[in-house]
All heavy atoms as atom14 arrays in JSON, in Angstrom:
{
  "sequence": "PLKIIQKAQNEWMEYKEAKDQEKRMSMLETPRADELQGQRKEDADTIH",
  "atom14_mask": [
    [1, 1, 1, 1, 1, 1, 1, 0, 0, 0, 0, 0, 0, 0],
    [1, 1, 1, 1, 1, 1, 1, 1, 0, 0, 0, 0, 0, 0],
    [1, 1, 1, 1, 1, 1, 1, 1, 1, 0, 0, 0, 0, 0],
    [1, 1, 1, 1, 1, 1, 1, 1, 0, 0, 0, 0, 0, 0],
    [1, 1, 1, 1, 1, 1, 1, 1, 0, 0, 0, 0, 0, 0],
    [1, 1, 1, 1, 1, 1, 1, 1, 1, 0, 0, 0, 0, 0],
    [1, 1, 1, 1, 1, 1, 1, 1, 1, 0, 0, 0, 0, 0],
    [1, 1, 1, 1, 1, 0, 0, 0, 0, 0, 0, 0, 0, 0],
    [1, 1, 1, 1, 1, 1, 1, 1, 1, 0, 0, 0, 0, 0],
    [1, 1, 1, 1, 1, 1, 1, 1, 0, 0, 0, 0, 0, 0],
    [1, 1, 1, 1, 1, 1, 1, 1, 1, 0, 0, 0, 0, 0],
    [1, 1, 1, 1, 1, 1, 1, 1, 1, 1, 1, 1, 1, 1],
    [1, 1, 1, 1, 1, 1, 1, 1, 0, 0, 0, 0, 0, 0],
    [1, 1, 1, 1, 1, 1, 1, 1, 1, 0, 0, 0, 0, 0],
    [1, 1, 1, 1, 1, 1, 1, 1, 1, 1, 1, 1, 0, 0],
    [1, 1, 1, 1, 1, 1, 1, 1, 1, 0, 0, 0, 0, 0],
    [1, 1, 1, 1, 1, 1, 1, 1, 1, 0, 0, 0, 0, 0],
    [1, 1, 1, 1, 1, 0, 0, 0, 0, 0, 0, 0, 0, 0],
    [1, 1, 1, 1, 1, 1, 1, 1, 1, 0, 0, 0, 0, 0],
    [1, 1, 1, 1, 1, 1, 1, 1, 0, 0, 0, 0, 0, 0],
    [1, 1, 1, 1, 1, 1, 1, 1, 1, 0, 0, 0, 0, 0],
    [1, 1, 1, 1, 1, 1, 1, 1, 1, 0, 0, 0, 0, 0],
    [1, 1, 1, 1, 1, 1, 1, 1, 1, 0, 0, 0, 0, 0],
    [1, 1, 1, 1, 1, 1, 1, 1, 1, 1, 1, 0, 0, 0],
    [1, 1, 1, 1, 1, 1, 1, 1, 0, 0, 0, 0, 0, 0],
    [1, 1, 1, 1, 1, 1, 0, 0, 0, 0, 0, 0, 0, 0],
    [1, 1, 1, 1, 1, 1, 1, 1, 0, 0, 0, 0, 0, 0],
    [1, 1, 1, 1, 1, 1, 1, 1, 0, 0, 0, 0, 0, 0],
    [1, 1, 1, 1, 1, 1, 1, 1, 1, 0, 0, 0, 0, 0],
    [1, 1, 1, 1, 1, 1, 1, 0, 0, 0, 0, 0, 0, 0],
    [1, 1, 1, 1, 1, 1, 1, 0, 0, 0, 0, 0, 0, 0],
    [1, 1, 1, 1, 1, 1, 1, 1, 1, 1, 1, 0, 0, 0],
    [1, 1, 1, 1, 1, 0, 0, 0, 0, 0, 0, 0, 0, 0],
    [1, 1, 1, 1, 1, 1, 1, 1, 0, 0, 0, 0, 0, 0],
    [1, 1, 1, 1, 1, 1, 1, 1, 1, 0, 0, 0, 0, 0],
    [1, 1, 1, 1, 1, 1, 1, 1, 0, 0, 0, 0, 0, 0],
    [1, 1, 1, 1, 1, 1, 1, 1, 1, 0, 0, 0, 0, 0],
    [1, 1, 1, 1, 0, 0, 0, 0, 0, 0, 0, 0, 0, 0],
    [1, 1, 1, 1, 1, 1, 1, 1, 1, 0, 0, 0, 0, 0],
    [1, 1, 1, 1, 1, 1, 1, 1, 1, 1, 1, 0, 0, 0],
    [1, 1, 1, 1, 1, 1, 1, 1, 1, 0, 0, 0, 0, 0],
    [1, 1, 1, 1, 1, 1, 1, 1, 1, 0, 0, 0, 0, 0],
    [1, 1, 1, 1, 1, 1, 1, 1, 0, 0, 0, 0, 0, 0],
    [1, 1, 1, 1, 1, 0, 0, 0, 0, 0, 0, 0, 0, 0],
    [1, 1, 1, 1, 1, 1, 1, 1, 0, 0, 0, 0, 0, 0],
    [1, 1, 1, 1, 1, 1, 1, 0, 0, 0, 0, 0, 0, 0],
    [1, 1, 1, 1, 1, 1, 1, 1, 0, 0, 0, 0, 0, 0],
    [1, 1, 1, 1, 1, 1, 1, 1, 1, 1, 0, 0, 0, 0]
  ],
  "atom14_positions": [
    [[-15.45, 10.74, 12.37], [-14.94, 9.37, 12.11], [-14.57, 9.1, 10.67], [-13.53, 8.48, 10.43], [-16.11, 8.51, 12.55], [-16.86, 9.29, 13.56], [-16.76, 10.71, 13.05], [0.0, 0.0, 0.0], [0.0, 0.0, 0.0], [0.0, 0.0, 0.0], [0.0, 0.0, 0.0], [0.0, 0.0, 0.0], [0.0, 0.0, 0.0], [0.0, 0.0, 0.0]],
    [[-15.36, 9.64, 9.72], [-15.07, 9.35, 8.3], [-13.75, 9.97, 7.93], [-12.97, 9.4, 7.19], [-16.21, 9.96, 7.47], [-15.96, 9.7, 5.9], [-15.85, 8.25, 5.58], [-17.15, 10.38, 5.17], [0.0, 0.0, 0.0], [0.0, 0.0, 0.0], [0.0, 0.0, 0.0], [0.0, 0.0, 0.0], [0.0, 0.0, 0.0], [0.0, 0.0, 0.0]],
    [[-13.42, 11.17, 8.43], [-12.2, 11.89, 8.07], [-10.99, 11.13, 8.7], [-9.9, 11.06, 8.12], [-12.21, 13.28, 8.6], [-13.09, 14.19, 7.81], [-12.98, 15.67, 8.2], [-13.84, 16.57, 7.29], [-13.66, 18.03, 7.68], [0.0, 0.0, 0.0], [0.0, 0.0, 0.0], [0.0, 0.0, 0.0], [0.0, 0.0, 0.0], [0.0, 0.0, 0.0]],
    [[-11.21, 10.48, 9.87], [-10.15, 9.71, 10.52], [-9.79, 8.49, 9.64], [-8.62, 8.23, 9.34], [-10.57, 9.27, 11.9], [-10.8, 10.42, 12.8], [-9.57, 8.3, 12.49], [-11.39, 10.12, 14.18], [0.0, 0.0, 0.0], [0.0, 0.0, 0.0], [0.0, 0.0, 0.0], [0.0, 0.0, 0.0], [0.0, 0.0, 0.0], [0.0, 0.0, 0.0]],
    [[-10.81, 7.81, 9.16], [-10.62, 6.64, 8.3], [-9.97, 7.07, 6.99], [-9.04, 6.37, 6.48], [-11.96, 5.9, 8.03], [-12.59, 5.43, 9.36], [-11.73, 4.73, 7.09], [-11.72, 4.52, 10.15], [0.0, 0.0, 0.0], [0.0, 0.0, 0.0], [0.0, 0.0, 0.0], [0.0, 0.0, 0.0], [0.0, 0.0, 0.0], [0.0, 0.0, 0.0]],
    [[-10.47, 8.17, 6.38], [-9.88, 8.58, 5.12], [-8.45, 8.99, 5.24], [-7.64, 8.64, 4.36], [-10.68, 9.8, 4.55], [-12.09, 9.4, 4.06], [-12.88, 10.65, 3.63], [-12.64, 11.76, 4.08], [-13.82, 10.37, 2.79], [0.0, 0.0, 0.0], [0.0, 0.0, 0.0], [0.0, 0.0, 0.0], [0.0, 0.0, 0.0], [0.0, 0.0, 0.0]],
    [[-8.08, 9.61, 6.35], [-6.65, 9.98, 6.67], [-5.8, 8.71, 6.75], [-4.69, 8.7, 6.13], [-6.59, 10.81, 7.86], [-5.1, 11.31, 8.17], [-5.04, 12.16, 9.43], [-3.64, 12.63, 9.63], [-3.55, 13.48, 10.91], [0.0, 0.0, 0.0], [0.0, 0.0, 0.0], [0.0, 0.0, 0.0], [0.0, 0.0, 0.0], [0.0, 0.0, 0.0]],
    [[-6.34, 7.71, 7.41], [-5.54, 6.5, 7.57], [-5.36, 5.78, 6.28], [-4.26, 5.29, 5.94], [-6.31, 5.54, 8.55], [0.0, 0.0, 0.0], [0.0, 0.0, 0.0], [0.0, 0.0, 0.0], [0.0, 0.0, 0.0], [0.0, 0.0, 0.0], [0.0, 0.0, 0.0], [0.0, 0.0, 0.0], [0.0, 0.0, 0.0], [0.0, 0.0, 0.0]],
    [[-6.4, 5.78, 5.43], [-6.31, 5.18, 4.08], [-5.27, 5.89, 3.16], [-4.51, 5.23, 2.53], [-7.69, 5.12, 3.4], [-8.66, 4.14, 4.04], [-10.04, 4.21, 3.38], [-10.41, 5.26, 2.88], [-10.72, 3.11, 3.33], [0.0, 0.0, 0.0], [0.0, 0.0, 0.0], [0.0, 0.0, 0.0], [0.0, 0.0, 0.0], [0.0, 0.0, 0.0]],
    [[-5.33, 7.16, 3.25], [-4.46, 7.99, 2.35], [-2.99, 7.81, 2.8], [-2.11, 7.63, 1.96], [-4.86, 9.47, 2.48], [-6.11, 9.77, 1.77], [-6.56, 9.03, 0.89], [-6.73, 10.92, 2.13], [0.0, 0.0, 0.0], [0.0, 0.0, 0.0], [0.0, 0.0, 0.0], [0.0, 0.0, 0.0], [0.0, 0.0, 0.0], [0.0, 0.0, 0.0]],
    [[-2.75, 7.78, 4.14], [-1.36, 7.61, 4.59], [-0.92, 6.18, 4.23], [0.29, 5.99, 3.86], [-1.31, 7.81, 6.14], [-1.38, 9.27, 6.52], [-1.14, 9.44, 7.98], [-0.96, 8.42, 8.68], [-1.12, 10.62, 8.46], [0.0, 0.0, 0.0], [0.0, 0.0, 0.0], [0.0, 0.0, 0.0], [0.0, 0.0, 0.0], [0.0, 0.0, 0.0]],
    [[-1.77, 5.19, 4.36], [-1.43, 3.83, 4.01], [-1.09, 3.7, 2.58], [-0.11, 3.05, 2.18], [-2.55, 2.9, 4.39], [-2.34, 1.43, 3.93], [-1.47, 0.52, 4.43], [-3.03, 0.85, 2.85], [-1.6, -0.64, 3.76], [-2.54, -0.5, 2.79], [-4.0, 1.23, 1.93], [-2.96, -1.37, 1.8], [-4.48, 0.34, 1.02], [-3.92, -0.97, 0.96]],
    [[-1.88, 4.32, 1.63], [-1.62, 4.27, 0.2], [-0.29, 4.9, -0.12], [0.49, 4.41, -0.98], [-2.81, 4.88, -0.54], [-4.08, 4.01, -0.49], [-5.46, 4.83, -1.28], [-4.88, 4.85, -2.96], [0.0, 0.0, 0.0], [0.0, 0.0, 0.0], [0.0, 0.0, 0.0], [0.0, 0.0, 0.0], [0.0, 0.0, 0.0], [0.0, 0.0, 0.0]],
    [[0.02, 6.06, 0.5], [1.25, 6.73, 0.21], [2.45, 5.9, 0.71], [3.46, 5.75, 0.0], [1.3, 8.09, 1.0], [0.34, 9.11, 0.41], [0.28, 10.38, 1.19], [1.06, 10.48, 2.22], [-0.51, 11.28, 0.82], [0.0, 0.0, 0.0], [0.0, 0.0, 0.0], [0.0, 0.0, 0.0], [0.0, 0.0, 0.0], [0.0, 0.0, 0.0]],
    [[2.33, 5.3, 1.82], [3.39, 4.41, 2.35], [3.6, 3.21, 1.43], [4.74, 2.88, 1.1], [3.03, 3.94, 3.81], [3.82, 2.75, 4.27], [5.17, 2.96, 4.68], [3.35, 1.48, 4.27], [5.91, 1.87, 5.16], [4.12, 0.41, 4.66], [5.42, 0.61, 5.14], [6.16, -0.46, 5.53], [0.0, 0.0, 0.0], [0.0, 0.0, 0.0]],
    [[2.48, 2.62, 1.06], [2.55, 1.38, 0.18], [3.15, 1.75, -1.16], [3.94, 0.96, -1.72], [1.14, 0.87, 0.0], [1.12, -0.46, -0.72], [-0.32, -1.01, -0.69], [-0.32, -2.43, -1.3], [0.16, -2.4, -2.7], [0.0, 0.0, 0.0], [0.0, 0.0, 0.0], [0.0, 0.0, 0.0], [0.0, 0.0, 0.0], [0.0, 0.0, 0.0]],
    [[2.82, 2.92, -1.71], [3.33, 3.33, -3.04], [4.86, 3.46, -2.97], [5.61, 3.02, -3.77], [2.7, 4.63, -3.48], [3.21, 5.08, -4.82], [2.67, 6.4, -5.22], [1.7, 6.92, -4.52], [3.13, 7.01, -6.19], [0.0, 0.0, 0.0], [0.0, 0.0, 0.0], [0.0, 0.0, 0.0], [0.0, 0.0, 0.0], [0.0, 0.0, 0.0]],
    [[5.28, 4.16, -1.83], [6.76, 4.31, -1.7], [7.46, 2.98, -1.52], [8.56, 2.75, -2.08], [7.02, 5.26, -0.54], [0.0, 0.0, 0.0], [0.0, 0.0, 0.0], [0.0, 0.0, 0.0], [0.0, 0.0, 0.0], [0.0, 0.0, 0.0], [0.0, 0.0, 0.0], [0.0, 0.0, 0.0], [0.0, 0.0, 0.0], [0.0, 0.0, 0.0]],
    [[6.86, 2.09, -0.75], [7.45, 0.81, -0.45], [7.58, -0.06, -1.72], [8.51, -0.83, -1.86], [6.63, 0.07, 0.56], [7.19, -1.22, 1.11], [6.34, -1.75, 2.28], [6.9, -3.04, 2.81], [6.77, -4.15, 1.87], [0.0, 0.0, 0.0], [0.0, 0.0, 0.0], [0.0, 0.0, 0.0], [0.0, 0.0, 0.0], [0.0, 0.0, 0.0]],
    [[6.63, 0.07, -2.61], [6.56, -0.84, -3.76], [7.22, -0.21, -5.01], [7.35, -0.84, -6.05], [5.11, -1.18, -4.1], [4.49, -2.03, -3.04], [5.2, -2.63, -2.24], [3.24, -2.13, -3.02], [0.0, 0.0, 0.0], [0.0, 0.0, 0.0], [0.0, 0.0, 0.0], [0.0, 0.0, 0.0], [0.0, 0.0, 0.0], [0.0, 0.0, 0.0]],
    [[7.69, 1.05, -4.91], [8.18, 1.77, -6.08], [9.36, 1.0, -6.77], [9.37, 0.82, -7.99], [8.65, 3.12, -5.7], [9.1, 3.99, -6.87], [7.99, 4.36, -7.81], [6.82, 4.42, -7.41], [8.3, 4.52, -9.11], [0.0, 0.0, 0.0], [0.0, 0.0, 0.0], [0.0, 0.0, 0.0], [0.0, 0.0, 0.0], [0.0, 0.0, 0.0]],
    [[10.23, 0.55, -5.98], [11.42, -0.12, -6.54], [11.02, -1.4, -7.22], [11.52, -1.73, -8.32], [12.5, -0.42, -5.41], [13.73, -1.07, -5.96], [14.78, -1.31, -4.9], [14.56, -0.85, -3.81], [15.75, -2.02, -5.2], [0.0, 0.0, 0.0], [0.0, 0.0, 0.0], [0.0, 0.0, 0.0], [0.0, 0.0, 0.0], [0.0, 0.0, 0.0]],
    [[10.1, -2.16, -6.63], [9.65, -3.39, -7.23], [8.91, -3.15, -8.57], [9.11, -3.86, -9.54], [8.75, -4.15, -6.27], [8.24, -5.52, -6.81], [7.39, -6.25, -5.78], [6.9, -7.56, -6.38], [6.09, -8.25, -5.38], [0.0, 0.0, 0.0], [0.0, 0.0, 0.0], [0.0, 0.0, 0.0], [0.0, 0.0, 0.0], [0.0, 0.0, 0.0]],
    [[8.06, -2.1, -8.58], [7.36, -1.82, -9.81], [8.26, -1.41, -10.94], [8.13, -1.82, -12.09], [6.33, -0.7, -9.55], [5.16, -1.09, -8.66], [4.02, -0.02, -8.77], [4.5, 1.27, -8.35], [4.43, 1.74, -7.18], [3.89, 1.03, -6.22], [4.82, 2.97, -6.94], [0.0, 0.0, 0.0], [0.0, 0.0, 0.0], [0.0, 0.0, 0.0]],
    [[9.25, -0.59, -10.59], [10.14, -0.09, -11.61], [10.97, -1.26, -12.17], [11.25, -1.28, -13.38], [11.08, 1.01, -11.05], [10.29, 2.29, -10.71], [9.41, 2.96, -12.08], [10.72, 3.38, -13.19], [0.0, 0.0, 0.0], [0.0, 0.0, 0.0], [0.0, 0.0, 0.0], [0.0, 0.0, 0.0], [0.0, 0.0, 0.0], [0.0, 0.0, 0.0]],
    [[11.42, -2.17, -11.39], [12.15, -3.3, -11.87], [11.39, -4.18, -12.79], [11.93, -4.82, -13.68], [12.75, -4.09, -10.65], [11.71, -4.73, -9.96], [0.0, 0.0, 0.0], [0.0, 0.0, 0.0], [0.0, 0.0, 0.0], [0.0, 0.0, 0.0], [0.0, 0.0, 0.0], [0.0, 0.0, 0.0], [0.0, 0.0, 0.0], [0.0, 0.0, 0.0]],
    [[10.06, -4.23, -12.5], [9.15, -5.05, -13.36], [8.93, -4.37, -14.74], [8.8, -5.09, -15.72], [7.86, -5.3, -12.64], [6.86, -6.1, -13.45], [5.37, -6.42, -12.47], [4.63, -4.75, -12.42], [0.0, 0.0, 0.0], [0.0, 0.0, 0.0], [0.0, 0.0, 0.0], [0.0, 0.0, 0.0], [0.0, 0.0, 0.0], [0.0, 0.0, 0.0]],
    [[8.9, -3.06, -14.74], [8.41, -2.36, -15.97], [9.49, -1.62, -16.71], [9.33, -1.13, -17.8], [7.28, -1.41, -15.59], [6.05, -1.99, -15.06], [5.16, -0.94, -14.46], [5.36, -2.87, -16.08], [0.0, 0.0, 0.0], [0.0, 0.0, 0.0], [0.0, 0.0, 0.0], [0.0, 0.0, 0.0], [0.0, 0.0, 0.0], [0.0, 0.0, 0.0]],
    [[10.71, -1.51, -16.1], [11.76, -0.71, -16.71], [12.3, -1.28, -17.98], [12.23, -2.5, -18.23], [12.89, -0.49, -15.68], [13.68, -1.78, -15.48], [14.75, -1.52, -14.36], [14.89, -0.36, -13.86], [15.46, -2.5, -14.06], [0.0, 0.0, 0.0], [0.0, 0.0, 0.0], [0.0, 0.0, 0.0], [0.0, 0.0, 0.0], [0.0, 0.0, 0.0]],
    [[12.9, -0.51, -18.82], [13.5, -0.87, -20.09], [14.84, -1.59, -19.77], [15.58, -1.07, -18.9], [13.67, 0.3, -21.01], [12.44, 0.96, -21.19], [14.35, -0.1, -22.32], [0.0, 0.0, 0.0], [0.0, 0.0, 0.0], [0.0, 0.0, 0.0], [0.0, 0.0, 0.0], [0.0, 0.0, 0.0], [0.0, 0.0, 0.0], [0.0, 0.0, 0.0]],
    [[15.19, -2.66, -20.47], [16.44, -3.34, -20.15], [17.64, -2.42, -20.47], [17.55, -1.58, -21.39], [16.4, -4.53, -21.13], [14.96, -4.72, -21.43], [14.35, -3.39, -21.41], [0.0, 0.0, 0.0], [0.0, 0.0, 0.0], [0.0, 0.0, 0.0], [0.0, 0.0, 0.0], [0.0, 0.0, 0.0], [0.0, 0.0, 0.0], [0.0, 0.0, 0.0]],
    [[18.69, -2.58, -19.75], [19.91, -1.85, -19.97], [20.58, -2.31, -21.21], [20.36, -3.44, -21.7], [20.89, -1.98, -18.79], [20.32, -1.45, -17.43], [21.43, -1.44, -16.37], [22.06, -2.74, -16.27], [21.63, -3.67, -15.39], [20.54, -3.38, -14.68], [22.24, -4.8, -15.35], [0.0, 0.0, 0.0], [0.0, 0.0, 0.0], [0.0, 0.0, 0.0]],
    [[21.56, -1.51, -21.73], [22.27, -1.89, -23.03], [22.98, -3.14, -22.94], [22.98, -3.96, -23.85], [23.24, -0.74, -23.39], [0.0, 0.0, 0.0], [0.0, 0.0, 0.0], [0.0, 0.0, 0.0], [0.0, 0.0, 0.0], [0.0, 0.0, 0.0], [0.0, 0.0, 0.0], [0.0, 0.0, 0.0], [0.0, 0.0, 0.0], [0.0, 0.0, 0.0]],
    [[23.61, -3.43, -21.71], [24.38, -4.67, -21.58], [23.51, -5.89, -21.44], [24.02, -7.02, -21.32], [25.34, -4.57, -20.37], [24.59, -4.36, -19.05], [23.34, -4.15, -19.12], [25.27, -4.34, -18.0], [0.0, 0.0, 0.0], [0.0, 0.0, 0.0], [0.0, 0.0, 0.0], [0.0, 0.0, 0.0], [0.0, 0.0, 0.0], [0.0, 0.0, 0.0]],
    [[22.15, -5.73, -21.37], [21.23, -6.82, -21.3], [20.54, -7.13, -22.59], [19.83, -8.12, -22.7], [20.17, -6.55, -20.21], [20.72, -6.38, -18.8], [19.63, -6.01, -17.81], [18.6, -5.43, -18.27], [19.72, -6.22, -16.62], [0.0, 0.0, 0.0], [0.0, 0.0, 0.0], [0.0, 0.0, 0.0], [0.0, 0.0, 0.0], [0.0, 0.0, 0.0]],
    [[20.74, -6.25, -23.58], [19.98, -6.36, -24.85], [20.21, -7.69, -25.57], [19.31, -8.28, -26.1], [20.3, -5.19, -25.73], [19.74, -3.86, -25.3], [20.12, -2.74, -26.27], [18.25, -3.91, -25.07], [0.0, 0.0, 0.0], [0.0, 0.0, 0.0], [0.0, 0.0, 0.0], [0.0, 0.0, 0.0], [0.0, 0.0, 0.0], [0.0, 0.0, 0.0]],
    [[21.51, -8.14, -25.59], [21.79, -9.35, -26.29], [21.06, -10.5, -25.64], [20.51, -11.37, -26.39], [23.31, -9.62, -26.27], [23.7, -10.85, -27.09], [25.16, -10.99, -27.2], [25.94, -10.18, -26.74], [25.61, -12.03, -27.9], [0.0, 0.0, 0.0], [0.0, 0.0, 0.0], [0.0, 0.0, 0.0], [0.0, 0.0, 0.0], [0.0, 0.0, 0.0]],
    [[21.02, -10.64, -24.35], [20.37, -11.65, -23.69], [18.81, -11.58, -23.88], [18.09, -12.58, -23.77], [0.0, 0.0, 0.0], [0.0, 0.0, 0.0], [0.0, 0.0, 0.0], [0.0, 0.0, 0.0], [0.0, 0.0, 0.0], [0.0, 0.0, 0.0], [0.0, 0.0, 0.0], [0.0, 0.0, 0.0], [0.0, 0.0, 0.0], [0.0, 0.0, 0.0]],
    [[18.34, -10.35, -24.17], [16.92, -10.17, -24.26], [16.42, -10.5, -25.66], [15.19, -10.7, -25.84], [16.59, -8.64, -23.99], [16.61, -8.28, -22.53], [15.49, -8.8, -21.79], [15.11, -9.94, -21.89], [14.86, -7.96, -20.95], [0.0, 0.0, 0.0], [0.0, 0.0, 0.0], [0.0, 0.0, 0.0], [0.0, 0.0, 0.0], [0.0, 0.0, 0.0]],
    [[17.32, -10.64, -26.6], [16.85, -10.91, -28.01], [16.08, -12.24, -28.03], [15.01, -12.3, -28.7], [18.08, -10.99, -28.96], [18.6, -9.56, -29.22], [19.91, -9.63, -30.0], [20.48, -8.3, -30.17], [21.79, -8.09, -30.42], [22.57, -9.14, -30.62], [22.22, -6.86, -30.58], [0.0, 0.0, 0.0], [0.0, 0.0, 0.0], [0.0, 0.0, 0.0]],
    [[16.6, -13.23, -27.41], [15.88, -14.57, -27.41], [14.59, -14.4, -26.71], [13.54, -14.92, -27.1], [16.77, -15.64, -26.81], [16.09, -17.0, -26.83], [16.96, -18.06, -26.25], [16.33, -19.43, -26.37], [15.05, -19.49, -25.69], [0.0, 0.0, 0.0], [0.0, 0.0, 0.0], [0.0, 0.0, 0.0], [0.0, 0.0, 0.0], [0.0, 0.0, 0.0]],
    [[14.67, -13.66, -25.53], [13.42, -13.51, -24.78], [12.39, -12.75, -25.58], [11.17, -13.1, -25.56], [13.67, -12.69, -23.49], [14.6, -13.49, -22.52], [14.81, -12.74, -21.25], [14.26, -11.65, -21.11], [15.58, -13.2, -20.4], [0.0, 0.0, 0.0], [0.0, 0.0, 0.0], [0.0, 0.0, 0.0], [0.0, 0.0, 0.0], [0.0, 0.0, 0.0]],
    [[12.79, -11.75, -26.36], [11.82, -11.01, -27.13], [11.18, -11.86, -28.15], [9.97, -11.78, -28.54], [12.54, -9.82, -27.88], [12.98, -8.77, -26.9], [12.48, -8.74, -25.77], [13.85, -7.95, -27.24], [0.0, 0.0, 0.0], [0.0, 0.0, 0.0], [0.0, 0.0, 0.0], [0.0, 0.0, 0.0], [0.0, 0.0, 0.0], [0.0, 0.0, 0.0]],
    [[11.95, -12.8, -28.75], [11.38, -13.76, -29.74], [10.34, -14.66, -29.14], [9.43, -15.14, -29.83], [12.5, -14.58, -30.33], [0.0, 0.0, 0.0], [0.0, 0.0, 0.0], [0.0, 0.0, 0.0], [0.0, 0.0, 0.0], [0.0, 0.0, 0.0], [0.0, 0.0, 0.0], [0.0, 0.0, 0.0], [0.0, 0.0, 0.0], [0.0, 0.0, 0.0]],
    [[10.47, -14.86, -27.88], [9.49, -15.76, -27.13], [8.33, -14.98, -26.54], [7.4, -15.56, -25.99], [10.22, -16.54, -26.02], [11.27, -17.53, -26.6], [11.03, -17.94, -27.75], [12.23, -17.77, -25.93], [0.0, 0.0, 0.0], [0.0, 0.0, 0.0], [0.0, 0.0, 0.0], [0.0, 0.0, 0.0], [0.0, 0.0, 0.0], [0.0, 0.0, 0.0]],
    [[8.37, -13.7, -26.59], [7.34, -12.84, -25.94], [6.02, -12.93, -26.65], [5.96, -12.82, -27.96], [7.74, -11.36, -25.87], [8.98, -11.32, -25.1], [6.67, -10.53, -25.22], [0.0, 0.0, 0.0], [0.0, 0.0, 0.0], [0.0, 0.0, 0.0], [0.0, 0.0, 0.0], [0.0, 0.0, 0.0], [0.0, 0.0, 0.0], [0.0, 0.0, 0.0]],
    [[4.92, -13.11, -26.0], [3.59, -13.12, -26.54], [2.99, -11.78, -26.38], [3.04, -11.15, -25.31], [2.64, -14.16, -25.79], [3.37, -15.53, -25.73], [1.28, -14.21, -26.5], [3.68, -16.07, -27.16], [0.0, 0.0, 0.0], [0.0, 0.0, 0.0], [0.0, 0.0, 0.0], [0.0, 0.0, 0.0], [0.0, 0.0, 0.0], [0.0, 0.0, 0.0]],
    [[2.46, -11.17, -27.48], [1.86, -9.81, -27.48], [0.37, -9.95, -27.47], [-0.19, -10.66, -28.28], [2.32, -9.1, -28.72], [3.83, -8.99, -28.83], [4.54, -7.94, -28.37], [4.78, -9.84, -29.36], [5.83, -8.06, -28.55], [6.02, -9.19, -29.17], [0.0, 0.0, 0.0], [0.0, 0.0, 0.0], [0.0, 0.0, 0.0], [0.0, 0.0, 0.0]]
  ]
}
């Protein structure tokens, strides 16, 4: 039974990771060159 549950958890985590990859990358990716000008004001407002 434990191996059955572990297999289900592992498959679920792999599926979830693939499903969320695009969302995570859009949240953390570096801005493109054509976005830099618009980001300057945002950078000035960013709290570190």
